[in-house]
Amino acid sequence: MPDFDHITFDRNIMGGRACIRGMRVTVSLVVNLVANGMSAAEILAEYPYLEAEDIRQALQYAALLTQEEIIPV
């Protein structure tokens, strides 16, 4: 399991959703930006308080959450 030291959870920040380093920037926002065509460089220019590692870990975390297993019935 990867070490997600940039992904934090706090019920007092964004309702406990996965956030970047305790900021009010959710993992889902970062993933949506990438999914809608923004490059890491563009995201970092738009959100200068983010780091490249934040984007990498957000994508890794999202990938981990989507590891589905289909169990035949």
Protein backbone atom coordinates (compact mmCIF):
# COMPACT_ATOMS: atom_id res chain seq x y z
CA MET A 1 0.00 0.00 0.00
CA PRO A 2 1.44 3.39 -0.97
CA ASP A 3 2.21 5.95 1.71
CA PHE A 4 -0.31 8.78 1.31
CA ASP A 5 1.30 11.36 3.56
CA HIS A 6 -0.15 14.21 1.46
CA ILE A 7 -3.74 12.89 1.75
CA THR A 8 -5.49 13.89 4.96
CA PHE A 9 -8.89 13.39 6.54
CA ASP A 10 -10.41 15.77 9.06
CA ARG A 11 -14.14 15.87 9.76
CA ASN A 12 -13.81 19.63 10.28
CA ILE A 13 -12.34 20.20 6.81
CA MET A 14 -14.58 19.54 3.81
CA GLY A 15 -16.74 17.19 5.87
CA GLY A 16 -13.96 14.64 6.28
CA ARG A 17 -13.40 14.11 2.56
CA ALA A 18 -9.91 13.23 1.36
CA CYS A 19 -7.96 16.49 1.13
CA ILE A 20 -4.50 17.61 0.21
CA ARG A 21 -2.28 18.25 3.25
CA GLY A 22 -5.11 19.51 5.46
CA MET A 23 -6.11 22.22 2.98
CA ARG A 24 -9.58 22.79 1.60
CA VAL A 25 -8.48 21.18 -1.66
CA THR A 26 -10.06 17.77 -2.14
CA VAL A 27 -8.55 14.82 -3.92
CA SER A 28 -11.66 14.75 -6.10
CA LEU A 29 -10.96 18.32 -7.29
CA VAL A 30 -7.43 17.40 -8.34
CA VAL A 31 -8.60 14.22 -10.08
CA ASN A 32 -11.35 16.16 -11.87
CA LEU A 33 -8.87 18.75 -13.10
CA VAL A 34 -6.67 16.02 -14.57
CA ALA A 35 -9.69 14.20 -16.02
CA ASN A 36 -10.77 17.41 -17.74
CA GLY A 37 -7.43 17.83 -19.46
CA MET A 38 -5.32 20.00 -17.17
CA SER A 39 -1.67 19.07 -16.99
CA ALA A 40 0.19 18.93 -13.71
CA ALA A 41 2.02 22.12 -14.72
CA GLU A 42 -1.29 23.90 -15.36
CA ILE A 43 -2.70 22.75 -12.02
CA LEU A 44 0.40 23.94 -10.19
CA ALA A 45 0.18 27.33 -11.94
CA GLU A 46 -3.51 27.68 -11.03
CA TYR A 47 -3.04 26.43 -7.46
CA PRO A 48 0.47 27.60 -6.49
CA TYR A 49 0.14 26.23 -2.95
CA LEU A 50 0.00 22.68 -4.34
CA GLU A 51 3.05 20.53 -5.03
CA ALA A 52 3.66 18.00 -7.78
CA GLU A 53 3.65 15.29 -5.10
CA ASP A 54 0.12 16.36 -4.10
CA ILE A 55 -1.12 15.66 -7.62
CA ARG A 56 0.73 12.36 -7.84
CA GLN A 57 -0.67 11.11 -4.55
CA ALA A 58 -4.20 12.28 -5.39
CA LEU A 59 -4.11 10.23 -8.58
CA GLN A 60 -2.60 7.22 -6.80
CA TYR A 61 -5.27 7.43 -4.09
CA ALA A 62 -8.05 7.60 -6.69
CA ALA A 63 -6.56 4.65 -8.54
CA LEU A 64 -6.46 2.64 -5.32
CA LEU A 65 -10.13 3.39 -4.66
CA THR A 66 -11.14 2.14 -8.09
CA GLN A 67 -9.55 -1.29 -7.80
CA GLU A 68 -12.72 -3.27 -8.25
CA GLU A 69 -13.20 -6.98 -7.91
CA ILE A 70 -16.14 -8.64 -9.51
CA ILE A 71 -17.13 -11.77 -7.65
CA PRO A 72 -19.16 -14.17 -9.79
CA VAL A 73 -22.40 -15.37 -8.22
